[in-house]
Amino acid sequence: TKKVKNPEAYGVVNLNEKNEIIELVEKPEEYVSDQAVIGIYYFKDVAQ
């Protein structure tokens, strides 16, 4: 992710108190976070 000034224009992540991603929100009308998804992902086992 990348911190952005206008998160309403992006898909962003919603984090819990452990800084774990619990939700992906596309162009949120209300503030969710300022961390935009940039299209790069790591999977410990991509078979999942």
ModelCIF file with pLDDT and N, C-alpha, C, O atoms, coordinates in Angstrom:
data_MODEL
#
_entry.id   MODEL 
#
_entity.id                         1 
_entity.type                       polymer 
_entity.pdbx_number_of_molecules   1 
#
_entity_poly.entity_id                      1 
_entity_poly.type                           'polypeptide(L)' 
_entity_poly.nstd_linkage                   no 
_entity_poly.nstd_monomer                   no 
_entity_poly.pdbx_seq_one_letter_code       TKKVKNPEAYGVVNLNEKNEIIELVEKPEEYVSDQAVIGIYYFKDVAQ 
_entity_poly.pdbx_seq_one_letter_code_can   TKKVKNPEAYGVVNLNEKNEIIELVEKPEEYVSDQAVIGIYYFKDVAQ 
_entity_poly.pdbx_strand_id                 A 
#
loop_
_entity_poly_seq.entity_id 
_entity_poly_seq.num 
_entity_poly_seq.mon_id 
_entity_poly_seq.hetero 
1 1  THR n 
1 2  LYS n 
1 3  LYS n 
1 4  VAL n 
1 5  LYS n 
1 6  ASN n 
1 7  PRO n 
1 8  GLU n 
1 9  ALA n 
1 10 TYR n 
1 11 GLY n 
1 12 VAL n 
1 13 VAL n 
1 14 ASN n 
1 15 LEU n 
1 16 ASN n 
1 17 GLU n 
1 18 LYS n 
1 19 ASN n 
1 20 GLU n 
1 21 ILE n 
1 22 ILE n 
1 23 GLU n 
1 24 LEU n 
1 25 VAL n 
1 26 GLU n 
1 27 LYS n 
1 28 PRO n 
1 29 GLU n 
1 30 GLU n 
1 31 TYR n 
1 32 VAL n 
1 33 SER n 
1 34 ASP n 
1 35 GLN n 
1 36 ALA n 
1 37 VAL n 
1 38 ILE n 
1 39 GLY n 
1 40 ILE n 
1 41 TYR n 
1 42 TYR n 
1 43 PHE n 
1 44 LYS n 
1 45 ASP n 
1 46 VAL n 
1 47 ALA n 
1 48 GLN n 
#
_struct_asym.id          A 
_struct_asym.entity_id   1 
#
loop_
_ma_qa_metric.id 
_ma_qa_metric.mode 
_ma_qa_metric.name 
_ma_qa_metric.software_group_id 
_ma_qa_metric.type 
1 global pLDDT . pLDDT 
2 local  pLDDT . pLDDT 
#
_ma_qa_metric_global.metric_id      1 
_ma_qa_metric_global.metric_value   93.17 
_ma_qa_metric_global.model_id       1 
_ma_qa_metric_global.ordinal_id     1 
#
loop_
_ma_qa_metric_local.label_asym_id 
_ma_qa_metric_local.label_comp_id 
_ma_qa_metric_local.label_seq_id 
_ma_qa_metric_local.metric_id 
_ma_qa_metric_local.metric_value 
_ma_qa_metric_local.model_id 
_ma_qa_metric_local.ordinal_id 
A THR 1  2 93.00 1 1  
A LYS 2  2 91.00 1 2  
A LYS 3  2 91.00 1 3  
A VAL 4  2 90.00 1 4  
A LYS 5  2 91.00 1 5  
A ASN 6  2 92.00 1 6  
A PRO 7  2 92.00 1 7  
A GLU 8  2 93.00 1 8  
A ALA 9  2 90.00 1 9  
A TYR 10 2 90.00 1 10 
A GLY 11 2 92.00 1 11 
A VAL 12 2 95.00 1 12 
A VAL 13 2 96.00 1 13 
A ASN 14 2 95.00 1 14 
A LEU 15 2 94.00 1 15 
A ASN 16 2 94.00 1 16 
A GLU 17 2 93.00 1 17 
A LYS 18 2 91.00 1 18 
A ASN 19 2 90.00 1 19 
A GLU 20 2 93.00 1 20 
A ILE 21 2 95.00 1 21 
A ILE 22 2 95.00 1 22 
A GLU 23 2 94.00 1 23 
A LEU 24 2 94.00 1 24 
A VAL 25 2 94.00 1 25 
A GLU 26 2 91.00 1 26 
A LYS 27 2 91.00 1 27 
A PRO 28 2 92.00 1 28 
A GLU 29 2 91.00 1 29 
A GLU 30 2 92.00 1 30 
A TYR 31 2 93.00 1 31 
A VAL 32 2 94.00 1 32 
A SER 33 2 94.00 1 33 
A ASP 34 2 94.00 1 34 
A GLN 35 2 94.00 1 35 
A ALA 36 2 93.00 1 36 
A VAL 37 2 94.00 1 37 
A ILE 38 2 91.00 1 38 
A GLY 39 2 90.00 1 39 
A ILE 40 2 92.00 1 40 
A TYR 41 2 94.00 1 41 
A TYR 42 2 94.00 1 42 
A PHE 43 2 96.00 1 43 
A LYS 44 2 95.00 1 44 
A ASP 45 2 97.00 1 45 
A VAL 46 2 97.00 1 46 
A ALA 47 2 98.00 1 47 
A GLN 48 2 97.00 1 48 
#
loop_
_atom_site.group_PDB 
_atom_site.id 
_atom_site.type_symbol 
_atom_site.label_atom_id 
_atom_site.label_alt_id 
_atom_site.label_comp_id 
_atom_site.label_asym_id 
_atom_site.label_entity_id 
_atom_site.label_seq_id 
_atom_site.pdbx_PDB_ins_code 
_atom_site.Cartn_x 
_atom_site.Cartn_y 
_atom_site.Cartn_z 
_atom_site.occupancy 
_atom_site.B_iso_or_equiv 
_atom_site.pdbx_formal_charge 
_atom_site.auth_seq_id 
_atom_site.auth_comp_id 
_atom_site.auth_asym_id 
_atom_site.auth_atom_id 
_atom_site.pdbx_PDB_model_num 
ATOM 1   N N  . THR A 1 1  ? 0.831   -1.192  0.000  1.00 93.00 ? 1  THR A N  1 
ATOM 2   C CA . THR A 1 1  ? 0.000   0.000   0.000  1.00 93.00 ? 1  THR A CA 1 
ATOM 3   C C  . THR A 1 1  ? 0.873   1.252   0.000  1.00 93.00 ? 1  THR A C  1 
ATOM 4   O O  . THR A 1 1  ? 2.074   1.200   0.262  1.00 93.00 ? 1  THR A O  1 
ATOM 5   N N  . LYS A 1 2  ? 0.230   2.373   -0.302 1.00 91.00 ? 2  LYS A N  1 
ATOM 6   C CA . LYS A 1 2  ? 0.897   3.678   -0.251 1.00 91.00 ? 2  LYS A CA 1 
ATOM 7   C C  . LYS A 1 2  ? -0.064  4.689   0.364  1.00 91.00 ? 2  LYS A C  1 
ATOM 8   O O  . LYS A 1 2  ? -1.236  4.746   -0.006 1.00 91.00 ? 2  LYS A O  1 
ATOM 9   N N  . LYS A 1 3  ? 0.434   5.479   1.298  1.00 91.00 ? 3  LYS A N  1 
ATOM 10  C CA . LYS A 1 3  ? -0.377  6.519   1.910  1.00 91.00 ? 3  LYS A CA 1 
ATOM 11  C C  . LYS A 1 3  ? -0.714  7.576   0.859  1.00 91.00 ? 3  LYS A C  1 
ATOM 12  O O  . LYS A 1 3  ? 0.171   8.068   0.159  1.00 91.00 ? 3  LYS A O  1 
ATOM 13  N N  . VAL A 1 4  ? -2.011  7.926   0.753  1.00 90.00 ? 4  VAL A N  1 
ATOM 14  C CA . VAL A 1 4  ? -2.466  8.889   -0.256 1.00 90.00 ? 4  VAL A CA 1 
ATOM 15  C C  . VAL A 1 4  ? -3.277  9.994   0.408  1.00 90.00 ? 4  VAL A C  1 
ATOM 16  O O  . VAL A 1 4  ? -3.830  9.815   1.493  1.00 90.00 ? 4  VAL A O  1 
ATOM 17  N N  . LYS A 1 5  ? -3.336  11.125  -0.255 1.00 91.00 ? 5  LYS A N  1 
ATOM 18  C CA . LYS A 1 5  ? -4.067  12.270  0.292  1.00 91.00 ? 5  LYS A CA 1 
ATOM 19  C C  . LYS A 1 5  ? -5.565  12.187  0.022  1.00 91.00 ? 5  LYS A C  1 
ATOM 20  O O  . LYS A 1 5  ? -6.357  12.764  0.767  1.00 91.00 ? 5  LYS A O  1 
ATOM 21  N N  . ASN A 1 6  ? -5.965  11.480  -1.026 1.00 92.00 ? 6  ASN A N  1 
ATOM 22  C CA . ASN A 1 6  ? -7.381  11.394  -1.399 1.00 92.00 ? 6  ASN A CA 1 
ATOM 23  C C  . ASN A 1 6  ? -7.817  9.933   -1.507 1.00 92.00 ? 6  ASN A C  1 
ATOM 24  O O  . ASN A 1 6  ? -8.036  9.433   -2.610 1.00 92.00 ? 6  ASN A O  1 
ATOM 25  N N  . PRO A 1 7  ? -7.944  9.247   -0.373 1.00 92.00 ? 7  PRO A N  1 
ATOM 26  C CA . PRO A 1 7  ? -8.260  7.814   -0.403 1.00 92.00 ? 7  PRO A CA 1 
ATOM 27  C C  . PRO A 1 7  ? -9.588  7.488   -1.062 1.00 92.00 ? 7  PRO A C  1 
ATOM 28  O O  . PRO A 1 7  ? -9.797  6.358   -1.503 1.00 92.00 ? 7  PRO A O  1 
ATOM 29  N N  . GLU A 1 8  ? -10.491 8.462   -1.135 1.00 93.00 ? 8  GLU A N  1 
ATOM 30  C CA . GLU A 1 8  ? -11.785 8.196   -1.767 1.00 93.00 ? 8  GLU A CA 1 
ATOM 31  C C  . GLU A 1 8  ? -11.650 7.878   -3.255 1.00 93.00 ? 8  GLU A C  1 
ATOM 32  O O  . GLU A 1 8  ? -12.602 7.399   -3.872 1.00 93.00 ? 8  GLU A O  1 
ATOM 33  N N  . ALA A 1 9  ? -10.479 8.140   -3.836 1.00 90.00 ? 9  ALA A N  1 
ATOM 34  C CA . ALA A 1 9  ? -10.264 7.868   -5.257 1.00 90.00 ? 9  ALA A CA 1 
ATOM 35  C C  . ALA A 1 9  ? -9.636  6.502   -5.511 1.00 90.00 ? 9  ALA A C  1 
ATOM 36  O O  . ALA A 1 9  ? -9.392  6.138   -6.661 1.00 90.00 ? 9  ALA A O  1 
ATOM 37  N N  . TYR A 1 10 ? -9.371  5.743   -4.446 1.00 90.00 ? 10 TYR A N  1 
ATOM 38  C CA . TYR A 1 10 ? -8.635  4.486   -4.572 1.00 90.00 ? 10 TYR A CA 1 
ATOM 39  C C  . TYR A 1 10 ? -9.368  3.344   -3.879 1.00 90.00 ? 10 TYR A C  1 
ATOM 40  O O  . TYR A 1 10 ? -10.342 3.544   -3.153 1.00 90.00 ? 10 TYR A O  1 
ATOM 41  N N  . GLY A 1 11 ? -8.859  2.132   -4.131 1.00 92.00 ? 11 GLY A N  1 
ATOM 42  C CA . GLY A 1 11 ? -9.184  1.017   -3.268 1.00 92.00 ? 11 GLY A CA 1 
ATOM 43  C C  . GLY A 1 11 ? -8.241  1.053   -2.080 1.00 92.00 ? 11 GLY A C  1 
ATOM 44  O O  . GLY A 1 11 ? -7.028  1.158   -2.255 1.00 92.00 ? 11 GLY A O  1 
ATOM 45  N N  . VAL A 1 12 ? -8.789  0.967   -0.864 1.00 95.00 ? 12 VAL A N  1 
ATOM 46  C CA . VAL A 1 12 ? -7.962  1.088   0.341  1.00 95.00 ? 12 VAL A CA 1 
ATOM 47  C C  . VAL A 1 12 ? -8.169  -0.127  1.238  1.00 95.00 ? 12 VAL A C  1 
ATOM 48  O O  . VAL A 1 12 ? -9.098  -0.912  1.050  1.00 95.00 ? 12 VAL A O  1 
ATOM 49  N N  . VAL A 1 13 ? -7.268  -0.261  2.228  1.00 96.00 ? 13 VAL A N  1 
ATOM 50  C CA . VAL A 1 13 ? -7.382  -1.356  3.189  1.00 96.00 ? 13 VAL A CA 1 
ATOM 51  C C  . VAL A 1 13 ? -7.955  -0.825  4.501  1.00 96.00 ? 13 VAL A C  1 
ATOM 52  O O  . VAL A 1 13 ? -7.697  0.311   4.898  1.00 96.00 ? 13 VAL A O  1 
ATOM 53  N N  . ASN A 1 14 ? -8.725  -1.660  5.149  1.00 95.00 ? 14 ASN A N  1 
ATOM 54  C CA . ASN A 1 14 ? -9.245  -1.377  6.493  1.00 95.00 ? 14 ASN A CA 1 
ATOM 55  C C  . ASN A 1 14 ? -8.460  -2.239  7.474  1.00 95.00 ? 14 ASN A C  1 
ATOM 56  O O  . ASN A 1 14 ? -8.387  -3.457  7.310  1.00 95.00 ? 14 ASN A O  1 
ATOM 57  N N  . LEU A 1 15 ? -7.869  -1.610  8.502  1.00 94.00 ? 15 LEU A N  1 
ATOM 58  C CA . LEU A 1 15 ? -7.002  -2.299  9.434  1.00 94.00 ? 15 LEU A CA 1 
ATOM 59  C C  . LEU A 1 15 ? -7.658  -2.419  10.804 1.00 94.00 ? 15 LEU A C  1 
ATOM 60  O O  . LEU A 1 15 ? -8.430  -1.550  11.210 1.00 94.00 ? 15 LEU A O  1 
ATOM 61  N N  . ASN A 1 16 ? -7.340  -3.525  11.530 1.00 94.00 ? 16 ASN A N  1 
ATOM 62  C CA . ASN A 1 16 ? -7.794  -3.653  12.911 1.00 94.00 ? 16 ASN A CA 1 
ATOM 63  C C  . ASN A 1 16 ? -6.713  -3.133  13.864 1.00 94.00 ? 16 ASN A C  1 
ATOM 64  O O  . ASN A 1 16 ? -5.709  -2.571  13.425 1.00 94.00 ? 16 ASN A O  1 
ATOM 65  N N  . GLU A 1 17 ? -6.924  -3.322  15.164 1.00 93.00 ? 17 GLU A N  1 
ATOM 66  C CA . GLU A 1 17 ? -5.985  -2.790  16.151 1.00 93.00 ? 17 GLU A CA 1 
ATOM 67  C C  . GLU A 1 17 ? -4.627  -3.471  16.094 1.00 93.00 ? 17 GLU A C  1 
ATOM 68  O O  . GLU A 1 17 ? -3.656  -2.949  16.643 1.00 93.00 ? 17 GLU A O  1 
ATOM 69  N N  . LYS A 1 18 ? -4.539  -4.624  15.443 1.00 91.00 ? 18 LYS A N  1 
ATOM 70  C CA . LYS A 1 18 ? -3.262  -5.324  15.280 1.00 91.00 ? 18 LYS A CA 1 
ATOM 71  C C  . LYS A 1 18 ? -2.567  -4.963  13.964 1.00 91.00 ? 18 LYS A C  1 
ATOM 72  O O  . LYS A 1 18 ? -1.566  -5.576  13.596 1.00 91.00 ? 18 LYS A O  1 
ATOM 73  N N  . ASN A 1 19 ? -3.105  -3.966  13.263 1.00 90.00 ? 19 ASN A N  1 
ATOM 74  C CA . ASN A 1 19 ? -2.602  -3.580  11.951 1.00 90.00 ? 19 ASN A CA 1 
ATOM 75  C C  . ASN A 1 19 ? -2.696  -4.712  10.936 1.00 90.00 ? 19 ASN A C  1 
ATOM 76  O O  . ASN A 1 19 ? -1.867  -4.826  10.032 1.00 90.00 ? 19 ASN A O  1 
ATOM 77  N N  . GLU A 1 20 ? -3.714  -5.541  11.099 1.00 93.00 ? 20 GLU A N  1 
ATOM 78  C CA . GLU A 1 20 ? -4.021  -6.580  10.123 1.00 93.00 ? 20 GLU A CA 1 
ATOM 79  C C  . GLU A 1 20 ? -5.124  -6.078  9.203  1.00 93.00 ? 20 GLU A C  1 
ATOM 80  O O  . GLU A 1 20 ? -6.036  -5.371  9.630  1.00 93.00 ? 20 GLU A O  1 
ATOM 81  N N  . ILE A 1 21 ? -5.025  -6.452  7.948  1.00 95.00 ? 21 ILE A N  1 
ATOM 82  C CA . ILE A 1 21 ? -6.059  -6.046  6.983  1.00 95.00 ? 21 ILE A CA 1 
ATOM 83  C C  . ILE A 1 21 ? -7.285  -6.931  7.170  1.00 95.00 ? 21 ILE A C  1 
ATOM 84  O O  . ILE A 1 21 ? -7.200  -8.156  7.084  1.00 95.00 ? 21 ILE A O  1 
ATOM 85  N N  . ILE A 1 22 ? -8.412  -6.302  7.424  1.00 95.00 ? 22 ILE A N  1 
ATOM 86  C CA . ILE A 1 22 ? -9.650  -7.067  7.617  1.00 95.00 ? 22 ILE A CA 1 
ATOM 87  C C  . ILE A 1 22 ? -10.663 -6.809  6.512  1.00 95.00 ? 22 ILE A C  1 
ATOM 88  O O  . ILE A 1 22 ? -11.694 -7.478  6.443  1.00 95.00 ? 22 ILE A O  1 
ATOM 89  N N  . GLU A 1 23 ? -10.369 -5.827  5.635  1.00 94.00 ? 23 GLU A N  1 
ATOM 90  C CA . GLU A 1 23 ? -11.345 -5.496  4.601  1.00 94.00 ? 23 GLU A CA 1 
ATOM 91  C C  . GLU A 1 23 ? -10.659 -4.706  3.490  1.00 94.00 ? 23 GLU A C  1 
ATOM 92  O O  . GLU A 1 23 ? -9.742  -3.923  3.738  1.00 94.00 ? 23 GLU A O  1 
ATOM 93  N N  . LEU A 1 24 ? -11.123 -4.929  2.262  1.00 94.00 ? 24 LEU A N  1 
ATOM 94  C CA . LEU A 1 24 ? -10.743 -4.109  1.120  1.00 94.00 ? 24 LEU A CA 1 
ATOM 95  C C  . LEU A 1 24 ? -11.950 -3.288  0.709  1.00 94.00 ? 24 LEU A C  1 
ATOM 96  O O  . LEU A 1 24 ? -13.031 -3.837  0.492  1.00 94.00 ? 24 LEU A O  1 
ATOM 97  N N  . VAL A 1 25 ? -11.776 -1.977  0.600  1.00 94.00 ? 25 VAL A N  1 
ATOM 98  C CA . VAL A 1 25 ? -12.898 -1.092  0.285  1.00 94.00 ? 25 VAL A CA 1 
ATOM 99  C C  . VAL A 1 25 ? -12.540 -0.275  -0.952 1.00 94.00 ? 25 VAL A C  1 
ATOM 100 O O  . VAL A 1 25 ? -11.521 0.416   -0.977 1.00 94.00 ? 25 VAL A O  1 
ATOM 101 N N  . GLU A 1 26 ? -13.382 -0.358  -1.971 1.00 91.00 ? 26 GLU A N  1 
ATOM 102 C CA . GLU A 1 26 ? -13.130 0.337   -3.218 1.00 91.00 ? 26 GLU A CA 1 
ATOM 103 C C  . GLU A 1 26 ? -13.743 1.732   -3.192 1.00 91.00 ? 26 GLU A C  1 
ATOM 104 O O  . GLU A 1 26 ? -14.956 1.876   -3.040 1.00 91.00 ? 26 GLU A O  1 
ATOM 105 N N  . LYS A 1 27 ? -12.919 2.749   -3.338 1.00 91.00 ? 27 LYS A N  1 
ATOM 106 C CA . LYS A 1 27 ? -13.333 4.153   -3.400 1.00 91.00 ? 27 LYS A CA 1 
ATOM 107 C C  . LYS A 1 27 ? -14.354 4.491   -2.317 1.00 91.00 ? 27 LYS A C  1 
ATOM 108 O O  . LYS A 1 27 ? -15.510 4.788   -2.621 1.00 91.00 ? 27 LYS A O  1 
ATOM 109 N N  . PRO A 1 28 ? -13.934 4.446   -1.066 1.00 92.00 ? 28 PRO A N  1 
ATOM 110 C CA . PRO A 1 28 ? -14.879 4.650   0.050  1.00 92.00 ? 28 PRO A CA 1 
ATOM 111 C C  . PRO A 1 28 ? -15.431 6.076   0.093  1.00 92.00 ? 28 PRO A C  1 
ATOM 112 O O  . PRO A 1 28 ? -14.687 7.046   -0.048 1.00 92.00 ? 28 PRO A O  1 
ATOM 113 N N  . GLU A 1 29 ? -16.734 6.185   0.289  1.00 91.00 ? 29 GLU A N  1 
ATOM 114 C CA . GLU A 1 29 ? -17.362 7.504   0.423  1.00 91.00 ? 29 GLU A CA 1 
ATOM 115 C C  . GLU A 1 29 ? -17.071 8.099   1.797  1.00 91.00 ? 29 GLU A C  1 
ATOM 116 O O  . GLU A 1 29 ? -16.972 9.317   1.946  1.00 91.00 ? 29 GLU A O  1 
ATOM 117 N N  . GLU A 1 30 ? -16.936 7.230   2.804  1.00 92.00 ? 30 GLU A N  1 
ATOM 118 C CA . GLU A 1 30 ? -16.550 7.665   4.134  1.00 92.00 ? 30 GLU A CA 1 
ATOM 119 C C  . GLU A 1 30 ? -15.152 7.145   4.440  1.00 92.00 ? 30 GLU A C  1 
ATOM 120 O O  . GLU A 1 30 ? -14.743 6.108   3.916  1.00 92.00 ? 30 GLU A O  1 
ATOM 121 N N  . TYR A 1 31 ? -14.420 7.862   5.286  1.00 93.00 ? 31 TYR A N  1 
ATOM 122 C CA . TYR A 1 31 ? -13.021 7.528   5.553  1.00 93.00 ? 31 TYR A CA 1 
ATOM 123 C C  . TYR A 1 31 ? -12.879 6.137   6.165  1.00 93.00 ? 31 TYR A C  1 
ATOM 124 O O  . TYR A 1 31 ? -13.539 5.805   7.150  1.00 93.00 ? 31 TYR A O  1 
ATOM 125 N N  . VAL A 1 32 ? -12.009 5.335   5.566  1.00 94.00 ? 32 VAL A N  1 
ATOM 126 C CA . VAL A 1 32 ? -11.671 4.006   6.077  1.00 94.00 ? 32 VAL A CA 1 
ATOM 127 C C  . VAL A 1 32 ? -10.195 3.987   6.495  1.00 94.00 ? 32 VAL A C  1 
ATOM 128 O O  . VAL A 1 32 ? -9.871  3.623   7.626  1.00 94.00 ? 32 VAL A O  1 
ATOM 129 N N  . SER A 1 33 ? -9.325  4.374   5.597  1.00 94.00 ? 33 SER A N  1 
ATOM 130 C CA . SER A 1 33 ? -7.898  4.554   5.870  1.00 94.00 ? 33 SER A CA 1 
ATOM 131 C C  . SER A 1 33 ? -7.314  5.324   4.707  1.00 94.00 ? 33 SER A C  1 
ATOM 132 O O  . SER A 1 33 ? -7.980  5.547   3.696  1.00 94.00 ? 33 SER A O  1 
ATOM 133 N N  . ASP A 1 34 ? -6.059  5.731   4.855  1.00 94.00 ? 34 ASP A N  1 
ATOM 134 C CA . ASP A 1 34 ? -5.387  6.442   3.762  1.00 94.00 ? 34 ASP A CA 1 
ATOM 135 C C  . ASP A 1 34 ? -4.355  5.559   3.075  1.00 94.00 ? 34 ASP A C  1 
ATOM 136 O O  . ASP A 1 34 ? -3.470  6.062   2.384  1.00 94.00 ? 34 ASP A O  1 
ATOM 137 N N  . GLN A 1 35 ? -4.461  4.232   3.262  1.00 94.00 ? 35 GLN A N  1 
ATOM 138 C CA . GLN A 1 35 ? -3.528  3.277   2.658  1.00 94.00 ? 35 GLN A CA 1 
ATOM 139 C C  . GLN A 1 35 ? -4.159  2.671   1.399  1.00 94.00 ? 35 GLN A C  1 
ATOM 140 O O  . GLN A 1 35 ? -5.048  1.824   1.483  1.00 94.00 ? 35 GLN A O  1 
ATOM 141 N N  . ALA A 1 36 ? -3.681  3.121   0.233  1.00 93.00 ? 36 ALA A N  1 
ATOM 142 C CA . ALA A 1 36 ? -4.232  2.672   -1.044 1.00 93.00 ? 36 ALA A CA 1 
ATOM 143 C C  . ALA A 1 36 ? -3.530  1.411   -1.525 1.00 93.00 ? 36 ALA A C  1 
ATOM 144 O O  . ALA A 1 36 ? -2.314  1.273   -1.393 1.00 93.00 ? 36 ALA A O  1 
ATOM 145 N N  . VAL A 1 37 ? -4.302  0.506   -2.079 1.00 94.00 ? 37 VAL A N  1 
ATOM 146 C CA . VAL A 1 37 ? -3.762  -0.731  -2.656 1.00 94.00 ? 37 VAL A CA 1 
ATOM 147 C C  . VAL A 1 37 ? -3.132  -0.401  -4.007 1.00 94.00 ? 37 VAL A C  1 
ATOM 148 O O  . VAL A 1 37 ? -3.770  0.231   -4.849 1.00 94.00 ? 37 VAL A O  1 
ATOM 149 N N  . ILE A 1 38 ? -1.888  -0.823  -4.218 1.00 91.00 ? 38 ILE A N  1 
ATOM 150 C CA . ILE A 1 38 ? -1.175  -0.435  -5.438 1.00 91.00 ? 38 ILE A CA 1 
ATOM 151 C C  . ILE A 1 38 ? -1.065  -1.551  -6.471 1.00 91.00 ? 38 ILE A C  1 
ATOM 152 O O  . ILE A 1 38 ? -0.529  -1.327  -7.556 1.00 91.00 ? 38 ILE A O  1 
ATOM 153 N N  . GLY A 1 39 ? -1.560  -2.746  -6.158 1.00 90.00 ? 39 GLY A N  1 
ATOM 154 C CA . GLY A 1 39 ? -1.552  -3.823  -7.143 1.00 90.00 ? 39 GLY A CA 1 
ATOM 155 C C  . GLY A 1 39 ? -0.374  -4.759  -7.066 1.00 90.00 ? 39 GLY A C  1 
ATOM 156 O O  . GLY A 1 39 ? -0.016  -5.393  -8.059 1.00 90.00 ? 39 GLY A O  1 
ATOM 157 N N  . ILE A 1 40 ? 0.245   -4.855  -5.877 1.00 92.00 ? 40 ILE A N  1 
ATOM 158 C CA . ILE A 1 40 ? 1.337   -5.815  -5.663 1.00 92.00 ? 40 ILE A CA 1 
ATOM 159 C C  . ILE A 1 40 ? 1.041   -6.581  -4.381 1.00 92.00 ? 40 ILE A C  1 
ATOM 160 O O  . ILE A 1 40 ? 0.738   -5.980  -3.351 1.00 92.00 ? 40 ILE A O  1 
ATOM 161 N N  . TYR A 1 41 ? 1.129   -7.911  -4.443 1.00 94.00 ? 41 TYR A N  1 
ATOM 162 C CA . TYR A 1 41 ? 0.699   -8.776  -3.349 1.00 94.00 ? 41 TYR A CA 1 
ATOM 163 C C  . TYR A 1 41 ? 1.723   -9.882  -3.121 1.00 94.00 ? 41 TYR A C  1 
ATOM 164 O O  . TYR A 1 41 ? 2.346   -10.366 -4.067 1.00 94.00 ? 41 TYR A O  1 
ATOM 165 N N  . TYR A 1 42 ? 1.895   -10.282 -1.850 1.00 94.00 ? 42 TYR A N  1 
ATOM 166 C CA . TYR A 1 42 ? 2.697   -11.454 -1.503 1.00 94.00 ? 42 TYR A CA 1 
ATOM 167 C C  . TYR A 1 42 ? 1.799   -12.490 -0.843 1.00 94.00 ? 42 TYR A C  1 
ATOM 168 O O  . TYR A 1 42 ? 0.968   -12.158 0.003  1.00 94.00 ? 42 TYR A O  1 
ATOM 169 N N  . PHE A 1 43 ? 1.974   -13.750 -1.239 1.00 96.00 ? 43 PHE A N  1 
ATOM 170 C CA . PHE A 1 43 ? 1.237   -14.859 -0.629 1.00 96.00 ? 43 PHE A CA 1 
ATOM 171 C C  . PHE A 1 43 ? 2.243   -15.909 -0.170 1.00 96.00 ? 43 PHE A C  1 
ATOM 172 O O  . PHE A 1 43 ? 3.082   -16.363 -0.948 1.00 96.00 ? 43 PHE A O  1 
ATOM 173 N N  . LYS A 1 44 ? 2.147   -16.287 1.103  1.00 95.00 ? 44 LYS A N  1 
ATOM 174 C CA . LYS A 1 44 ? 3.038   -17.320 1.640  1.00 95.00 ? 44 LYS A CA 1 
ATOM 175 C C  . LYS A 1 44 ? 2.862   -18.616 0.865  1.00 95.00 ? 44 LYS A C  1 
ATOM 176 O O  . LYS A 1 44 ? 3.835   -19.320 0.595  1.00 95.00 ? 44 LYS A O  1 
ATOM 177 N N  . ASP A 1 45 ? 1.625   -18.933 0.509  1.00 97.00 ? 45 ASP A N  1 
ATOM 178 C CA . ASP A 1 45 ? 1.330   -20.057 -0.389 1.00 97.00 ? 45 ASP A CA 1 
ATOM 179 C C  . ASP A 1 45 ? 0.235   -19.602 -1.336 1.00 97.00 ? 45 ASP A C  1 
ATOM 180 O O  . ASP A 1 45 ? -0.939  -19.557 -0.969 1.00 97.00 ? 45 ASP A O  1 
ATOM 181 N N  . VAL A 1 46 ? 0.623   -19.267 -2.546 1.00 97.00 ? 46 VAL A N  1 
ATOM 182 C CA . VAL A 1 46 ? -0.319  -18.700 -3.498 1.00 97.00 ? 46 VAL A CA 1 
ATOM 183 C C  . VAL A 1 46 ? -1.380  -19.717 -3.923 1.00 97.00 ? 46 VAL A C  1 
ATOM 184 O O  . VAL A 1 46 ? -2.373  -19.350 -4.551 1.00 97.00 ? 46 VAL A O  1 
ATOM 185 N N  . ALA A 1 47 ? -1.176  -20.983 -3.585 1.00 98.00 ? 47 ALA A N  1 
ATOM 186 C CA . ALA A 1 47 ? -2.199  -22.000 -3.873 1.00 98.00 ? 47 ALA A CA 1 
ATOM 187 C C  . ALA A 1 47 ? -3.493  -21.705 -3.112 1.00 98.00 ? 47 ALA A C  1 
ATOM 188 O O  . ALA A 1 47 ? -4.576  -22.073 -3.568 1.00 98.00 ? 47 ALA A O  1 
ATOM 189 N N  . GLN A 1 48 ? -3.388  -21.043 -1.954 1.00 97.00 ? 48 GLN A N  1 
ATOM 190 C CA . GLN A 1 48 ? -4.591  -20.657 -1.213 1.00 97.00 ? 48 GLN A CA 1 
ATOM 191 C C  . GLN A 1 48 ? -5.428  -19.661 -2.021 1.00 97.00 ? 48 GLN A C  1 
ATOM 192 O O  . GLN A 1 48 ? -6.481  -19.222 -1.559 1.00 97.00 ? 48 GLN A O  1 
#
